[in-house]
Amino acid sequence: MVLFVGAGLLYLGAAVLGAVQIGGRGERYRMILNDLIGLAVVLEIGLLVFRSIALGRVALTGLFESMIALTGLFGVFYLVLGLFIRQVWFGSVTGWVILSMMVLTAAVAETARTPQVVATKPWVVVHALAMIGGAALILMSAVSAVVYLVGRRRLKRKEIHKVIGRMPNLQKLERLNLGTLRAAFVLVTIGMVSGVVGVWLEAELLGGAPLAWLLDSKVLSVLITWGLLGGVMVLQKLRRIRRKRVAYATLAVLLWIVFALVGSRLLCATKHDFSEGQAGVTTNSRE
């Protein structure tokens, strides 16, 4: 609890500094913002380590642990890209996005629960890592899309003084948007394939109803996310959508992946859980 609350407060501080930065005189706070996010990532790593010790296994099979890993990985992506993209708007939007994700993480927080036997299978780890990585890349793509849209709007209004030195080059943002979307599509594809194959291979451990598991609301939501990503890639390749429309499409993908990860848990009945006592998943006593 201490580590989680500490990470949340650090992300809150980063978001506040992000708001100060875009106020006009906050450039000097950029390094402090980076330090806050870096410390929060360290606390989240510590939290995952303690959860893993409590469970006796790698803590990635629950939604709460997955969200912690997602925000932490997103923070790492930002810190790496921050070495090359130093403009204040990039860090500011990142601070807001990561704080929002931390709030959603708090909404699904729970105590550590014993994972199912199936959670020890290699395909589950591959599936979890691929989906977490894909979601983190979608978040980073959304940050670049937001900054791109704001910068483009300001240039159209001839507010050049609000762009130069404060926002990254629009072409760089466009490349970052597309590049992270493509990488996210690859990882989500790996996650989907590994998940589908794994469910069919481990049908007995999952209650003997793989089709019912694959028709779960969360699985279908992730499948829609994958379809949206693929659609954006195809349309962009065919030059049916470019620049601004790609940015808007990225935000649509972000909203849907958030629903797929959190909304399906809070609003819909889902069996996509590898912890003991969940509906649709057998217990250790079945063996």
Protein backbone atom coordinates (compact mmCIF):
# COMPACT_ATOMS: atom_id res chain seq x y z
CA MET A 1 0.00 0.00 0.00
CA VAL A 2 2.83 2.38 0.87
CA LEU A 3 4.60 1.72 -2.43
CA PHE A 4 1.41 2.09 -4.43
CA VAL A 5 0.34 5.34 -2.75
CA GLY A 6 3.90 6.65 -3.04
CA ALA A 7 3.99 5.97 -6.78
CA GLY A 8 0.58 7.62 -7.18
CA LEU A 9 1.72 10.76 -5.35
CA LEU A 10 4.86 10.95 -7.48
CA TYR A 11 2.79 10.71 -10.67
CA LEU A 12 0.47 13.39 -9.28
CA GLY A 13 3.48 15.61 -8.71
CA ALA A 14 4.65 14.94 -12.29
CA ALA A 15 1.22 15.90 -13.64
CA VAL A 16 1.21 19.14 -11.60
CA LEU A 17 4.69 20.04 -12.87
CA GLY A 18 3.48 19.23 -16.37
CA ALA A 19 0.71 21.81 -15.98
CA VAL A 20 3.25 24.34 -14.69
CA GLN A 21 5.56 23.65 -17.63
CA ILE A 22 3.04 24.60 -20.28
CA GLY A 23 2.14 27.74 -18.36
CA GLY A 24 5.08 29.51 -19.95
CA ARG A 25 7.88 29.54 -17.39
CA GLY A 26 8.18 25.96 -16.29
CA GLU A 27 10.98 24.66 -18.54
CA ARG A 28 13.33 24.45 -15.58
CA TYR A 29 11.11 21.79 -13.99
CA ARG A 30 11.61 19.25 -16.79
CA MET A 31 14.36 17.35 -14.98
CA ILE A 32 12.34 17.28 -11.75
CA LEU A 33 9.40 15.83 -13.69
CA ASN A 34 11.68 13.13 -15.08
CA ASP A 35 12.99 12.37 -11.58
CA LEU A 36 9.46 12.03 -10.21
CA ILE A 37 8.45 9.59 -12.94
CA GLY A 38 11.70 7.64 -12.52
CA LEU A 39 11.17 7.29 -8.75
CA ALA A 40 7.56 6.21 -9.32
CA VAL A 41 8.74 3.51 -11.73
CA VAL A 42 11.20 2.24 -9.10
CA LEU A 43 8.40 2.03 -6.52
CA GLU A 44 6.20 0.13 -8.96
CA ILE A 45 8.99 -2.34 -9.65
CA GLY A 46 9.34 -2.82 -5.90
CA LEU A 47 5.59 -3.36 -5.61
CA LEU A 48 5.66 -6.06 -8.30
CA VAL A 49 8.62 -7.73 -6.57
CA PHE A 50 6.79 -7.86 -3.24
CA ARG A 51 3.61 -9.13 -4.92
CA SER A 52 5.64 -11.85 -6.63
CA ILE A 53 7.18 -12.86 -3.31
CA ALA A 54 3.73 -13.00 -1.72
CA LEU A 55 2.40 -15.17 -4.55
CA GLY A 56 5.53 -17.27 -4.99
CA ARG A 57 5.34 -16.61 -8.75
CA VAL A 58 5.81 -13.76 -11.20
CA ALA A 59 2.97 -11.31 -10.51
CA LEU A 60 1.61 -10.57 -13.97
CA THR A 61 -1.53 -12.69 -14.14
CA GLY A 62 -3.89 -10.33 -12.28
CA LEU A 63 -5.34 -7.11 -13.69
CA PHE A 64 -3.92 -4.99 -10.87
CA GLU A 65 -0.40 -6.31 -11.39
CA SER A 66 -0.76 -5.90 -15.16
CA MET A 67 -1.80 -2.27 -14.74
CA ILE A 68 1.15 -1.60 -12.43
CA ALA A 69 3.48 -3.15 -15.02
CA LEU A 70 1.77 -1.10 -17.77
CA THR A 71 2.23 2.27 -16.05
CA GLY A 72 5.78 1.38 -15.09
CA LEU A 73 6.72 0.33 -18.62
CA PHE A 74 5.08 3.46 -20.03
CA GLY A 75 7.18 5.50 -17.63
CA VAL A 76 10.33 3.73 -18.85
CA PHE A 77 9.38 4.43 -22.49
CA TYR A 78 8.95 8.11 -21.65
CA LEU A 79 12.29 8.34 -19.85
CA VAL A 80 14.09 6.75 -22.81
CA LEU A 81 12.35 8.93 -25.41
CA GLY A 82 12.89 11.95 -23.16
CA LEU A 83 16.60 11.69 -23.94
CA PHE A 84 15.77 12.68 -27.51
CA ILE A 85 12.54 14.68 -27.13
CA ARG A 86 13.08 17.48 -24.62
CA GLN A 87 10.22 19.86 -25.39
CA VAL A 88 7.99 20.62 -22.40
CA TRP A 89 4.67 19.62 -23.99
CA PHE A 90 5.83 16.03 -24.48
CA GLY A 91 6.61 15.61 -20.78
CA SER A 92 3.48 17.49 -19.71
CA VAL A 93 1.04 15.33 -21.67
CA THR A 94 2.88 12.21 -20.49
CA GLY A 95 2.39 13.30 -16.88
CA TRP A 96 -1.36 13.67 -17.35
CA VAL A 97 -1.73 10.36 -19.19
CA ILE A 98 0.26 8.33 -16.69
CA LEU A 99 -1.64 9.87 -13.74
CA SER A 100 -4.94 8.97 -15.42
CA MET A 101 -3.78 5.38 -15.85
CA MET A 102 -2.72 5.29 -12.20
CA VAL A 103 -6.23 6.37 -11.16
CA LEU A 104 -7.67 3.51 -13.22
CA THR A 105 -5.15 1.17 -11.59
CA ALA A 106 -6.42 2.24 -8.17
CA ALA A 107 -9.95 1.40 -9.32
CA VAL A 108 -8.98 -2.27 -9.83
CA ALA A 109 -6.58 -2.57 -6.88
CA GLU A 110 -6.89 -5.79 -4.88
CA THR A 111 -4.94 -7.95 -2.48
CA ALA A 112 -2.62 -10.60 -3.88
CA ARG A 113 -4.45 -13.81 -4.81
CA THR A 114 -2.99 -17.23 -5.54
CA PRO A 115 -2.64 -17.75 -9.31
CA GLN A 116 -4.15 -20.76 -11.05
CA VAL A 117 -1.95 -23.65 -12.13
CA VAL A 118 -2.37 -22.51 -15.73
CA ALA A 119 -0.72 -19.21 -14.82
CA THR A 120 2.64 -20.98 -14.62
CA LYS A 121 2.51 -21.94 -18.30
CA PRO A 122 5.00 -20.13 -20.59
CA TRP A 123 2.26 -18.97 -22.98
CA VAL A 124 0.55 -17.02 -20.18
CA VAL A 125 3.75 -15.09 -19.48
CA VAL A 126 4.29 -14.41 -23.20
CA HIS A 127 0.66 -13.34 -23.55
CA ALA A 128 0.83 -11.00 -20.55
CA LEU A 129 4.14 -9.40 -21.52
CA ALA A 130 3.05 -8.88 -25.13
CA MET A 131 -0.27 -7.29 -24.18
CA ILE A 132 1.32 -5.05 -21.54
CA GLY A 133 4.01 -3.93 -23.98
CA GLY A 134 1.44 -3.29 -26.70
CA ALA A 135 -0.74 -1.24 -24.36
CA ALA A 136 2.25 0.83 -23.20
CA LEU A 137 3.17 1.58 -26.82
CA ILE A 138 -0.43 2.64 -27.53
CA LEU A 139 -0.20 5.07 -24.60
CA MET A 140 3.02 6.52 -25.99
CA SER A 141 1.47 6.79 -29.44
CA ALA A 142 -1.49 8.63 -27.91
CA VAL A 143 0.86 11.13 -26.21
CA SER A 144 2.54 11.90 -29.54
CA ALA A 145 -0.90 12.19 -31.19
CA VAL A 146 -2.15 14.71 -28.62
CA VAL A 147 0.99 16.87 -28.88
CA TYR A 148 0.81 16.64 -32.69
CA LEU A 149 -2.82 17.82 -32.77
CA VAL A 150 -2.12 20.71 -30.38
CA GLY A 151 0.97 21.77 -32.35
CA ARG A 152 -0.84 21.54 -35.67
CA ARG A 153 -3.70 23.66 -34.37
CA ARG A 154 -1.35 26.33 -33.08
CA LEU A 155 0.52 26.49 -36.36
CA LYS A 156 -2.75 26.96 -38.23
CA ARG A 157 -3.51 29.87 -35.89
CA LYS A 158 -0.06 31.35 -36.63
CA GLU A 159 0.94 30.94 -32.97
CA ILE A 160 4.48 29.97 -33.91
CA HIS A 161 5.94 31.33 -30.66
CA LYS A 162 3.89 28.72 -28.77
CA VAL A 163 5.34 25.89 -30.85
CA ILE A 164 9.03 26.59 -31.44
CA GLY A 165 11.10 25.26 -28.55
CA ARG A 166 8.02 24.02 -26.70
CA MET A 167 6.78 21.25 -28.95
CA PRO A 168 8.66 18.61 -30.94
CA ASN A 169 8.81 18.85 -34.72
CA LEU A 170 5.47 17.74 -36.19
CA GLN A 171 7.14 15.32 -38.59
CA LYS A 172 8.98 13.72 -35.67
CA LEU A 173 5.71 13.37 -33.79
CA GLU A 174 4.05 11.83 -36.85
CA ARG A 175 6.84 9.27 -37.19
CA LEU A 176 6.67 8.48 -33.47
CA ASN A 177 2.90 8.07 -33.67
CA LEU A 178 3.05 5.63 -36.58
CA GLY A 179 6.14 3.80 -35.34
CA THR A 180 4.71 3.07 -31.90
CA LEU A 181 1.36 2.04 -33.41
CA ARG A 182 3.09 -0.47 -35.70
CA ALA A 183 5.12 -1.90 -32.83
CA ALA A 184 1.96 -2.08 -30.70
CA PHE A 185 0.16 -3.98 -33.47
CA VAL A 186 2.97 -6.55 -33.58
CA LEU A 187 2.92 -7.07 -29.81
CA VAL A 188 -0.88 -7.23 -29.57
CA THR A 189 -0.85 -9.78 -32.43
CA ILE A 190 1.65 -11.89 -30.47
CA GLY A 191 -0.50 -11.54 -27.38
CA MET A 192 -3.68 -12.55 -29.21
CA VAL A 193 -2.10 -15.56 -30.94
CA SER A 194 -0.37 -16.83 -27.80
CA GLY A 195 -3.60 -16.40 -25.83
CA VAL A 196 -5.81 -18.21 -28.34
CA VAL A 197 -3.35 -21.08 -28.82
CA GLY A 198 -2.79 -21.37 -25.08
CA VAL A 199 -6.50 -21.51 -24.28
CA TRP A 200 -7.04 -24.37 -26.72
CA LEU A 201 -3.98 -26.27 -25.45
CA GLU A 202 -4.96 -25.86 -21.80
CA ALA A 203 -8.73 -26.34 -22.24
CA GLU A 204 -8.93 -28.85 -19.38
CA LEU A 205 -7.30 -26.52 -16.87
CA LEU A 206 -9.65 -23.74 -17.97
CA GLY A 207 -12.79 -25.74 -17.36
CA GLY A 208 -13.03 -27.56 -20.71
CA ALA A 209 -14.80 -24.69 -22.52
CA PRO A 210 -12.19 -22.83 -24.63
CA LEU A 211 -14.80 -21.27 -26.92
CA ALA A 212 -16.67 -19.73 -23.98
CA TRP A 213 -13.37 -18.37 -22.68
CA LEU A 214 -12.51 -16.83 -26.07
CA LEU A 215 -15.98 -15.21 -26.28
CA ASP A 216 -15.38 -13.44 -22.97
CA SER A 217 -16.10 -9.68 -23.01
CA LYS A 218 -12.49 -8.76 -22.26
CA VAL A 219 -11.11 -11.05 -24.97
CA LEU A 220 -13.57 -9.64 -27.51
CA SER A 221 -12.64 -6.08 -26.49
CA VAL A 222 -8.94 -6.81 -27.04
CA LEU A 223 -9.80 -8.39 -30.39
CA ILE A 224 -11.57 -5.18 -31.40
CA THR A 225 -8.49 -3.21 -30.33
CA TRP A 226 -6.36 -5.44 -32.53
CA GLY A 227 -8.78 -4.88 -35.42
CA LEU A 228 -8.67 -1.11 -34.94
CA LEU A 229 -4.88 -1.15 -34.95
CA GLY A 230 -4.81 -3.29 -38.07
CA GLY A 231 -7.37 -1.03 -39.77
CA VAL A 232 -5.29 2.06 -39.06
CA MET A 233 -2.18 0.35 -40.43
CA VAL A 234 -3.93 -0.72 -43.64
CA LEU A 235 -5.65 2.63 -44.25
CA GLN A 236 -2.42 4.52 -43.60
CA LYS A 237 -0.54 2.24 -45.98
CA LEU A 238 -3.17 2.84 -48.67
CA ARG A 239 -2.95 6.58 -47.90
CA ARG A 240 -6.65 6.71 -47.04
CA ILE A 241 -5.85 8.42 -43.75
CA ARG A 242 -2.83 10.55 -42.94
CA ARG A 243 -1.48 12.81 -40.24
CA LYS A 244 -4.43 14.36 -38.40
CA ARG A 245 -6.74 11.41 -39.02
CA VAL A 246 -4.09 8.95 -37.87
CA ALA A 247 -3.76 10.99 -34.67
CA TYR A 248 -7.52 10.91 -34.06
CA ALA A 249 -7.61 7.18 -34.83
CA THR A 250 -4.84 6.69 -32.27
CA LEU A 251 -6.94 8.35 -29.58
CA ALA A 252 -9.86 6.09 -30.50
CA VAL A 253 -7.60 3.04 -30.10
CA LEU A 254 -6.44 4.38 -26.73
CA LEU A 255 -10.00 4.77 -25.45
CA TRP A 256 -10.87 1.26 -26.55
CA ILE A 257 -7.77 -0.38 -25.07
CA VAL A 258 -8.57 1.33 -21.76
CA PHE A 259 -12.06 -0.14 -21.93
CA ALA A 260 -10.62 -3.54 -22.88
CA LEU A 261 -8.28 -3.55 -19.88
CA VAL A 262 -10.34 -1.84 -17.19
CA GLY A 263 -13.87 -1.17 -18.45
CA SER A 264 -14.56 -4.81 -19.21
CA ARG A 265 -13.63 -5.64 -15.61
CA LEU A 266 -15.68 -2.88 -13.98
CA LEU A 267 -18.71 -2.85 -16.30
CA CYS A 268 -18.93 -6.34 -17.78
CA ALA A 269 -18.77 -9.88 -16.44
CA THR A 270 -15.41 -11.36 -17.40
CA LYS A 271 -13.73 -14.71 -16.75
CA HIS A 272 -10.37 -13.46 -18.01
CA ASP A 273 -8.60 -13.93 -14.69
CA PHE A 274 -5.96 -16.48 -13.74
CA SER A 275 -6.45 -16.23 -9.98
CA GLU A 276 -8.03 -18.76 -7.63
CA GLY A 277 -11.77 -18.67 -7.16
CA GLN A 278 -12.66 -16.96 -10.46
CA ALA A 279 -15.62 -18.16 -12.48
CA GLY A 280 -14.75 -20.18 -15.49
CA VAL A 281 -11.34 -21.22 -14.18
CA THR A 282 -10.69 -24.49 -12.42
CA THR A 283 -8.96 -24.66 -9.05
CA ASN A 284 -5.91 -26.62 -8.02
CA SER A 285 -8.13 -29.24 -6.35
CA ARG A 286 -9.44 -30.27 -9.75
CA GLU A 287 -6.17 -32.01 -10.61
